[in-house]
Amino acid sequence: MFNIAYKFTFIFKNRSNWLLLYNIEKYINGAILQVGRVEKERKAHFKKFIGLPIAHFRRLDNIFLDAHFYFICIDQIDKNL
């Protein structure tokens, strides 16, 4: 995980530059977490599962929501850059 903003807190004279770096790092860290979650759910989804069809749809919902938040993180990184 990235934690550069706290190392350079006192170097930035303009506080808005530090806040931009902090926001970028926050969303990059979130995107990294989401990639792991999507990959975990995808692997679990494509394994042979035994159970009700509702579990199948719940797993697809989890994949969709995790991927959705990943794209939100990417959008916020783009806006802050």
PDB file of N, CA and C in Angstrom:
ATOM      1  N   MET A   1       0.826  -1.177   0.000  1.00  0.00           N
ATOM      2  CA  MET A   1       0.000   0.000   0.000  1.00  0.00           C
ATOM      3  C   MET A   1       0.879   1.252   0.000  1.00  0.00           C
ATOM      4  N   PHE A   2       0.367   2.245  -0.640  1.00  0.00           N
ATOM      5  CA  PHE A   2       1.111   3.500  -0.752  1.00  0.00           C
ATOM      6  C   PHE A   2       0.854   4.377   0.471  1.00  0.00           C
ATOM      7  N   ASN A   3       1.909   5.008   0.965  1.00  0.00           N
ATOM      8  CA  ASN A   3       1.805   5.891   2.118  1.00  0.00           C
ATOM      9  C   ASN A   3       2.817   7.028   1.985  1.00  0.00           C
ATOM     10  N   ILE A   4       2.896   7.598   0.804  1.00  0.00           N
ATOM     11  CA  ILE A   4       3.883   8.640   0.536  1.00  0.00           C
ATOM     12  C   ILE A   4       3.438   9.995   1.076  1.00  0.00           C
ATOM     13  N   ALA A   5       2.146  10.257   1.104  1.00  0.00           N
ATOM     14  CA  ALA A   5       1.644  11.574   1.508  1.00  0.00           C
ATOM     15  C   ALA A   5       2.073  11.936   2.927  1.00  0.00           C
ATOM     16  N   TYR A   6       2.067  10.967   3.829  1.00  0.00           N
ATOM     17  CA  TYR A   6       2.449  11.276   5.206  1.00  0.00           C
ATOM     18  C   TYR A   6       3.947  11.506   5.353  1.00  0.00           C
ATOM     19  N   LYS A   7       4.732  10.905   4.476  1.00  0.00           N
ATOM     20  CA  LYS A   7       6.179  11.121   4.531  1.00  0.00           C
ATOM     21  C   LYS A   7       6.550  12.532   4.097  1.00  0.00           C
ATOM     22  N   PHE A   8       5.743  13.124   3.209  1.00  0.00           N
ATOM     23  CA  PHE A   8       6.049  14.444   2.668  1.00  0.00           C
ATOM     24  C   PHE A   8       5.069  15.522   3.140  1.00  0.00           C
ATOM     25  N   THR A   9       4.496  15.331   4.304  1.00  0.00           N
ATOM     26  CA  THR A   9       3.514  16.285   4.831  1.00  0.00           C
ATOM     27  C   THR A   9       4.083  17.686   4.963  1.00  0.00           C
ATOM     28  N   PHE A  10       5.297  17.803   5.465  1.00  0.00           N
ATOM     29  CA  PHE A  10       5.865  19.120   5.758  1.00  0.00           C
ATOM     30  C   PHE A  10       6.636  19.714   4.578  1.00  0.00           C
ATOM     31  N   ILE A  11       6.798  18.984   3.517  1.00  0.00           N
ATOM     32  CA  ILE A  11       7.521  19.493   2.350  1.00  0.00           C
ATOM     33  C   ILE A  11       6.617  20.376   1.491  1.00  0.00           C
ATOM     34  N   PHE A  12       5.340  19.980   1.374  1.00  0.00           N
ATOM     35  CA  PHE A  12       4.403  20.758   0.551  1.00  0.00           C
ATOM     36  C   PHE A  12       4.061  22.064   1.246  1.00  0.00           C
ATOM     37  N   LYS A  13       4.320  23.175   0.571  1.00  0.00           N
ATOM     38  CA  LYS A  13       3.955  24.470   1.139  1.00  0.00           C
ATOM     39  C   LYS A  13       2.470  24.743   0.933  1.00  0.00           C
ATOM     40  N   ASN A  14       1.956  24.242  -0.163  1.00  0.00           N
ATOM     41  CA  ASN A  14       0.538  24.411  -0.458  1.00  0.00           C
ATOM     42  C   ASN A  14      -0.204  23.167   0.020  1.00  0.00           C
ATOM     43  N   ARG A  15      -1.118  23.335   0.944  1.00  0.00           N
ATOM     44  CA  ARG A  15      -1.844  22.203   1.536  1.00  0.00           C
ATOM     45  C   ARG A  15      -2.701  21.468   0.502  1.00  0.00           C
ATOM     46  N   SER A  16      -3.169  22.157  -0.522  1.00  0.00           N
ATOM     47  CA  SER A  16      -4.021  21.507  -1.522  1.00  0.00           C
ATOM     48  C   SER A  16      -3.237  20.454  -2.311  1.00  0.00           C
ATOM     49  N   ASN A  17      -1.945  20.669  -2.529  1.00  0.00           N
ATOM     50  CA  ASN A  17      -1.129  19.660  -3.207  1.00  0.00           C
ATOM     51  C   ASN A  17      -1.022  18.393  -2.373  1.00  0.00           C
ATOM     52  N   TRP A  18      -0.847  18.574  -1.073  1.00  0.00           N
ATOM     53  CA  TRP A  18      -0.777  17.415  -0.192  1.00  0.00           C
ATOM     54  C   TRP A  18      -2.110  16.677  -0.173  1.00  0.00           C
ATOM     55  N   LEU A  19      -3.211  17.408  -0.140  1.00  0.00           N
ATOM     56  CA  LEU A  19      -4.524  16.764  -0.139  1.00  0.00           C
ATOM     57  C   LEU A  19      -4.782  15.995  -1.428  1.00  0.00           C
ATOM     58  N   LEU A  20      -4.342  16.524  -2.555  1.00  0.00           N
ATOM     59  CA  LEU A  20      -4.479  15.799  -3.810  1.00  0.00           C
ATOM     60  C   LEU A  20      -3.679  14.498  -3.791  1.00  0.00           C
ATOM     61  N   LEU A  21      -2.441  14.556  -3.318  1.00  0.00           N
ATOM     62  CA  LEU A  21      -1.625  13.356  -3.219  1.00  0.00           C
ATOM     63  C   LEU A  21      -2.257  12.345  -2.266  1.00  0.00           C
ATOM     64  N   TYR A  22      -2.777  12.822  -1.157  1.00  0.00           N
ATOM     65  CA  TYR A  22      -3.430  11.937  -0.184  1.00  0.00           C
ATOM     66  C   TYR A  22      -4.655  11.259  -0.806  1.00  0.00           C
ATOM     67  N   ASN A  23      -5.476  12.014  -1.523  1.00  0.00           N
ATOM     68  CA  ASN A  23      -6.660  11.432  -2.165  1.00  0.00           C
ATOM     69  C   ASN A  23      -6.288  10.419  -3.235  1.00  0.00           C
ATOM     70  N   ILE A  24      -5.261  10.740  -4.017  1.00  0.00           N
ATOM     71  CA  ILE A  24      -4.819   9.804  -5.052  1.00  0.00           C
ATOM     72  C   ILE A  24      -4.360   8.500  -4.413  1.00  0.00           C
ATOM     73  N   GLU A  25      -3.552   8.596  -3.367  1.00  0.00           N
ATOM     74  CA  GLU A  25      -3.087   7.393  -2.680  1.00  0.00           C
ATOM     75  C   GLU A  25      -4.231   6.591  -2.079  1.00  0.00           C
ATOM     76  N   LYS A  26      -5.190   7.287  -1.498  1.00  0.00           N
ATOM     77  CA  LYS A  26      -6.324   6.613  -0.876  1.00  0.00           C
ATOM     78  C   LYS A  26      -7.097   5.792  -1.909  1.00  0.00           C
ATOM     79  N   TYR A  27      -7.345   6.373  -3.066  1.00  0.00           N
ATOM     80  CA  TYR A  27      -8.097   5.663  -4.092  1.00  0.00           C
ATOM     81  C   TYR A  27      -7.249   4.601  -4.805  1.00  0.00           C
ATOM     82  N   ILE A  28      -5.956   4.792  -4.915  1.00  0.00           N
ATOM     83  CA  ILE A  28      -5.095   3.743  -5.470  1.00  0.00           C
ATOM     84  C   ILE A  28      -5.102   2.531  -4.545  1.00  0.00           C
ATOM     85  N   ASN A  29      -4.989   2.778  -3.245  1.00  0.00           N
ATOM     86  CA  ASN A  29      -5.041   1.674  -2.288  1.00  0.00           C
ATOM     87  C   ASN A  29      -6.388   0.959  -2.344  1.00  0.00           C
ATOM     88  N   GLY A  30      -7.467   1.714  -2.500  1.00  0.00           N
ATOM     89  CA  GLY A  30      -8.793   1.108  -2.638  1.00  0.00           C
ATOM     90  C   GLY A  30      -8.908   0.275  -3.902  1.00  0.00           C
ATOM     91  N   ALA A  31      -8.348   0.766  -4.998  1.00  0.00           N
ATOM     92  CA  ALA A  31      -8.391   0.016  -6.260  1.00  0.00           C
ATOM     93  C   ALA A  31      -7.591  -1.277  -6.154  1.00  0.00           C
ATOM     94  N   ILE A  32      -6.457  -1.238  -5.475  1.00  0.00           N
ATOM     95  CA  ILE A  32      -5.652  -2.445  -5.291  1.00  0.00           C
ATOM     96  C   ILE A  32      -6.437  -3.486  -4.486  1.00  0.00           C
ATOM     97  N   LEU A  33      -7.106  -3.041  -3.435  1.00  0.00           N
ATOM     98  CA  LEU A  33      -7.930  -3.957  -2.636  1.00  0.00           C
ATOM     99  C   LEU A  33      -9.061  -4.557  -3.466  1.00  0.00           C
ATOM    100  N   GLN A  34      -9.680  -3.738  -4.289  1.00  0.00           N
ATOM    101  CA  GLN A  34     -10.808  -4.210  -5.086  1.00  0.00           C
ATOM    102  C   GLN A  34     -10.378  -5.239  -6.126  1.00  0.00           C
ATOM    103  N   VAL A  35      -9.197  -5.079  -6.707  1.00  0.00           N
ATOM    104  CA  VAL A  35      -8.717  -6.063  -7.681  1.00  0.00           C
ATOM    105  C   VAL A  35      -8.601  -7.428  -7.004  1.00  0.00           C
ATOM    106  N   GLY A  36      -8.081  -7.458  -5.795  1.00  0.00           N
ATOM    107  CA  GLY A  36      -7.980  -8.717  -5.051  1.00  0.00           C
ATOM    108  C   GLY A  36      -9.340  -9.314  -4.747  1.00  0.00           C
ATOM    109  N   ARG A  37     -10.288  -8.464  -4.372  1.00  0.00           N
ATOM    110  CA  ARG A  37     -11.632  -8.959  -4.071  1.00  0.00           C
ATOM    111  C   ARG A  37     -12.334  -9.502  -5.307  1.00  0.00           C
ATOM    112  N   VAL A  38     -12.208  -8.802  -6.428  1.00  0.00           N
ATOM    113  CA  VAL A  38     -12.838  -9.273  -7.669  1.00  0.00           C
ATOM    114  C   VAL A  38     -12.229 -10.604  -8.082  1.00  0.00           C
ATOM    115  N   GLU A  39     -10.925 -10.720  -7.987  1.00  0.00           N
ATOM    116  CA  GLU A  39     -10.255 -11.960  -8.369  1.00  0.00           C
ATOM    117  C   GLU A  39     -10.678 -13.122  -7.467  1.00  0.00           C
ATOM    118  N   LYS A  40     -10.799 -12.855  -6.175  1.00  0.00           N
ATOM    119  CA  LYS A  40     -11.233 -13.886  -5.229  1.00  0.00           C
ATOM    120  C   LYS A  40     -12.661 -14.344  -5.540  1.00  0.00           C
ATOM    121  N   GLU A  41     -13.554 -13.401  -5.778  1.00  0.00           N
ATOM    122  CA  GLU A  41     -14.944 -13.746  -6.097  1.00  0.00           C
ATOM    123  C   GLU A  41     -15.050 -14.454  -7.443  1.00  0.00           C
ATOM    124  N   ARG A  42     -14.249 -14.040  -8.410  1.00  0.00           N
ATOM    125  CA  ARG A  42     -14.283 -14.673  -9.722  1.00  0.00           C
ATOM    126  C   ARG A  42     -13.851 -16.128  -9.628  1.00  0.00           C
ATOM    127  N   LYS A  43     -12.790 -16.384  -8.882  1.00  0.00           N
ATOM    128  CA  LYS A  43     -12.323 -17.761  -8.723  1.00  0.00           C
ATOM    129  C   LYS A  43     -13.370 -18.606  -7.995  1.00  0.00           C
ATOM    130  N   ALA A  44     -13.982 -18.029  -6.969  1.00  0.00           N
ATOM    131  CA  ALA A  44     -15.008 -18.763  -6.231  1.00  0.00           C
ATOM    132  C   ALA A  44     -16.234 -19.012  -7.100  1.00  0.00           C
ATOM    133  N   HIS A  45     -16.530 -18.083  -7.995  1.00  0.00           N
ATOM    134  CA  HIS A  45     -17.704 -18.216  -8.860  1.00  0.00           C
ATOM    135  C   HIS A  45     -17.514 -19.317  -9.892  1.00  0.00           C
ATOM    136  N   PHE A  46     -16.339 -19.422 -10.455  1.00  0.00           N
ATOM    137  CA  PHE A  46     -16.125 -20.377 -11.522  1.00  0.00           C
ATOM    138  C   PHE A  46     -15.766 -21.784 -11.031  1.00  0.00           C
ATOM    139  N   LYS A  47     -15.576 -21.951  -9.717  1.00  0.00           N
ATOM    140  CA  LYS A  47     -15.422 -23.293  -9.184  1.00  0.00           C
ATOM    141  C   LYS A  47     -16.779 -23.976  -9.208  1.00  0.00           C
ATOM    142  N   LYS A  48     -16.745 -25.267  -9.209  1.00  0.00           N
ATOM    143  CA  LYS A  48     -18.002 -26.006  -9.164  1.00  0.00           C
ATOM    144  C   LYS A  48     -18.652 -25.743  -7.811  1.00  0.00           C
ATOM    145  N   PHE A  49     -19.825 -25.171  -7.833  1.00  0.00           N
ATOM    146  CA  PHE A  49     -20.480 -24.867  -6.579  1.00  0.00           C
ATOM    147  C   PHE A  49     -21.702 -25.768  -6.412  1.00  0.00           C
ATOM    148  N   ILE A  50     -21.949 -26.122  -5.170  1.00  0.00           N
ATOM    149  CA  ILE A  50     -23.109 -26.936  -4.823  1.00  0.00           C
ATOM    150  C   ILE A  50     -23.986 -26.077  -3.940  1.00  0.00           C
ATOM    151  N   GLY A  51     -25.203 -25.946  -4.321  1.00  0.00           N
ATOM    152  CA  GLY A  51     -26.102 -25.140  -3.519  1.00  0.00           C
ATOM    153  C   GLY A  51     -27.231 -24.581  -4.345  1.00  0.00           C
ATOM    154  N   LEU A  52     -27.905 -23.651  -3.766  1.00  0.00           N
ATOM    155  CA  LEU A  52     -29.054 -23.036  -4.402  1.00  0.00           C
ATOM    156  C   LEU A  52     -28.625 -22.043  -5.474  1.00  0.00           C
ATOM    157  N   PRO A  53     -29.465 -21.820  -6.466  1.00  0.00           N
ATOM    158  CA  PRO A  53     -29.142 -20.812  -7.485  1.00  0.00           C
ATOM    159  C   PRO A  53     -29.004 -19.411  -6.904  1.00  0.00           C
ATOM    160  N   ILE A  54     -29.622 -19.171  -5.744  1.00  0.00           N
ATOM    161  CA  ILE A  54     -29.526 -17.831  -5.138  1.00  0.00           C
ATOM    162  C   ILE A  54     -28.070 -17.515  -4.776  1.00  0.00           C
ATOM    163  N   ALA A  55     -27.304 -18.550  -4.379  1.00  0.00           N
ATOM    164  CA  ALA A  55     -25.889 -18.331  -4.058  1.00  0.00           C
ATOM    165  C   ALA A  55     -25.124 -17.918  -5.315  1.00  0.00           C
ATOM    166  N   HIS A  56     -25.522 -18.463  -6.451  1.00  0.00           N
ATOM    167  CA  HIS A  56     -24.903 -18.102  -7.725  1.00  0.00           C
ATOM    168  C   HIS A  56     -25.109 -16.620  -8.025  1.00  0.00           C
ATOM    169  N   PHE A  57     -26.323 -16.147  -7.854  1.00  0.00           N
ATOM    170  CA  PHE A  57     -26.627 -14.739  -8.130  1.00  0.00           C
ATOM    171  C   PHE A  57     -25.993 -13.820  -7.098  1.00  0.00           C
ATOM    172  N   ARG A  58     -25.901 -14.251  -5.868  1.00  0.00           N
ATOM    173  CA  ARG A  58     -25.267 -13.435  -4.837  1.00  0.00           C
ATOM    174  C   ARG A  58     -23.789 -13.241  -5.158  1.00  0.00           C
ATOM    175  N   ARG A  59     -23.143 -14.287  -5.652  1.00  0.00           N
ATOM    176  CA  ARG A  59     -21.735 -14.172  -6.025  1.00  0.00           C
ATOM    177  C   ARG A  59     -21.563 -13.223  -7.204  1.00  0.00           C
ATOM    178  N   LEU A  60     -22.470 -13.292  -8.176  1.00  0.00           N
ATOM    179  CA  LEU A  60     -22.405 -12.365  -9.310  1.00  0.00           C
ATOM    180  C   LEU A  60     -22.622 -10.927  -8.845  1.00  0.00           C
ATOM    181  N   ASP A  61     -23.526 -10.729  -7.883  1.00  0.00           N
ATOM    182  CA  ASP A  61     -23.734  -9.386  -7.329  1.00  0.00           C
ATOM    183  C   ASP A  61     -22.472  -8.873  -6.655  1.00  0.00           C
ATOM    184  N   ASN A  62     -21.796  -9.740  -5.913  1.00  0.00           N
ATOM    185  CA  ASN A  62     -20.555  -9.327  -5.248  1.00  0.00           C
ATOM    186  C   ASN A  62     -19.487  -8.936  -6.258  1.00  0.00           C
ATOM    187  N   ILE A  63     -19.382  -9.717  -7.337  1.00  0.00           N
ATOM    188  CA  ILE A  63     -18.410  -9.378  -8.383  1.00  0.00           C
ATOM    189  C   ILE A  63     -18.751  -8.031  -9.008  1.00  0.00           C
ATOM    190  N   PHE A  64     -20.030  -7.816  -9.292  1.00  0.00           N
ATOM    191  CA  PHE A  64     -20.450  -6.545  -9.888  1.00  0.00           C
ATOM    192  C   PHE A  64     -20.156  -5.373  -8.965  1.00  0.00           C
ATOM    193  N   LEU A  65     -20.502  -5.503  -7.679  1.00  0.00           N
ATOM    194  CA  LEU A  65     -20.290  -4.396  -6.745  1.00  0.00           C
ATOM    195  C   LEU A  65     -18.808  -4.103  -6.533  1.00  0.00           C
ATOM    196  N   ASP A  66     -17.995  -5.154  -6.434  1.00  0.00           N
ATOM    197  CA  ASP A  66     -16.557  -4.929  -6.276  1.00  0.00           C
ATOM    198  C   ASP A  66     -15.957  -4.283  -7.517  1.00  0.00           C
ATOM    199  N   ALA A  67     -16.374  -4.730  -8.693  1.00  0.00           N
ATOM    200  CA  ALA A  67     -15.879  -4.120  -9.932  1.00  0.00           C
ATOM    201  C   ALA A  67     -16.367  -2.675 -10.051  1.00  0.00           C
ATOM    202  N   HIS A  68     -17.595  -2.421  -9.630  1.00  0.00           N
ATOM    203  CA  HIS A  68     -18.142  -1.063  -9.668  1.00  0.00           C
ATOM    204  C   HIS A  68     -17.317  -0.125  -8.800  1.00  0.00           C
ATOM    205  N   PHE A  69     -16.996  -0.546  -7.581  1.00  0.00           N
ATOM    206  CA  PHE A  69     -16.204   0.306  -6.706  1.00  0.00           C
ATOM    207  C   PHE A  69     -14.793   0.493  -7.254  1.00  0.00           C
ATOM    208  N   TYR A  70     -14.246  -0.526  -7.926  1.00  0.00           N
ATOM    209  CA  TYR A  70     -12.939  -0.389  -8.564  1.00  0.00           C
ATOM    210  C   TYR A  70     -12.969   0.748  -9.592  1.00  0.00           C
ATOM    211  N   PHE A  71     -14.004   0.781 -10.425  1.00  0.00           N
ATOM    212  CA  PHE A  71     -14.091   1.828 -11.435  1.00  0.00           C
ATOM    213  C   PHE A  71     -14.354   3.200 -10.820  1.00  0.00           C
ATOM    214  N   ILE A  72     -15.036   3.248  -9.695  1.00  0.00           N
ATOM    215  CA  ILE A  72     -15.196   4.516  -8.976  1.00  0.00           C
ATOM    216  C   ILE A  72     -13.833   5.012  -8.500  1.00  0.00           C
ATOM    217  N   CYS A  73     -13.012   4.115  -7.977  1.00  0.00           N
ATOM    218  CA  CYS A  73     -11.665   4.496  -7.534  1.00  0.00           C
ATOM    219  C   CYS A  73     -10.841   5.036  -8.699  1.00  0.00           C
ATOM    220  N   ILE A  74     -10.908   4.355  -9.837  1.00  0.00           N
ATOM    221  CA  ILE A  74     -10.156   4.805 -11.014  1.00  0.00           C
ATOM    222  C   ILE A  74     -10.641   6.186 -11.456  1.00  0.00           C
ATOM    223  N   ASP A  75     -11.948   6.413 -11.425  1.00  0.00           N
ATOM    224  CA  ASP A  75     -12.502   7.721 -11.796  1.00  0.00           C
ATOM    225  C   ASP A  75     -12.021   8.815 -10.841  1.00  0.00           C
ATOM    226  N   GLN A  76     -11.987   8.531  -9.554  1.00  0.00           N
ATOM    227  CA  GLN A  76     -11.529   9.530  -8.590  1.00  0.00           C
ATOM    228  C   GLN A  76     -10.035   9.820  -8.748  1.00  0.00           C
ATOM    229  N   ILE A  77      -9.261   8.802  -9.078  1.00  0.00           N
ATOM    230  CA  ILE A  77      -7.827   9.023  -9.332  1.00  0.00           C
ATOM    231  C   ILE A  77      -7.663   9.945 -10.532  1.00  0.00           C
ATOM    232  N   ASP A  78      -8.442   9.689 -11.576  1.00  0.00           N
ATOM    233  CA  ASP A  78      -8.391  10.526 -12.785  1.00  0.00           C
ATOM    234  C   ASP A  78      -8.786  11.963 -12.473  1.00  0.00           C
ATOM    235  N   LYS A  79      -9.808  12.163 -11.692  1.00  0.00           N
ATOM    236  CA  LYS A  79     -10.245  13.527 -11.338  1.00  0.00           C
ATOM    237  C   LYS A  79      -9.177  14.260 -10.519  1.00  0.00           C
ATOM    238  N   ASN A  80      -8.524  13.538  -9.598  1.00  0.00           N
ATOM    239  CA  ASN A  80      -7.509  14.188  -8.777  1.00  0.00           C
ATOM    240  C   ASN A  80      -6.228  14.476  -9.528  1.00  0.00           C
ATOM    241  N   LEU A  81      -5.941  13.672 -10.532  1.00  0.00           N
ATOM    242  CA  LEU A  81      -4.750  13.964 -11.327  1.00  0.00           C
ATOM    243  C   LEU A  81      -4.978  15.190 -12.183  1.00  0.00           C
TER     244      LEU A  81
END
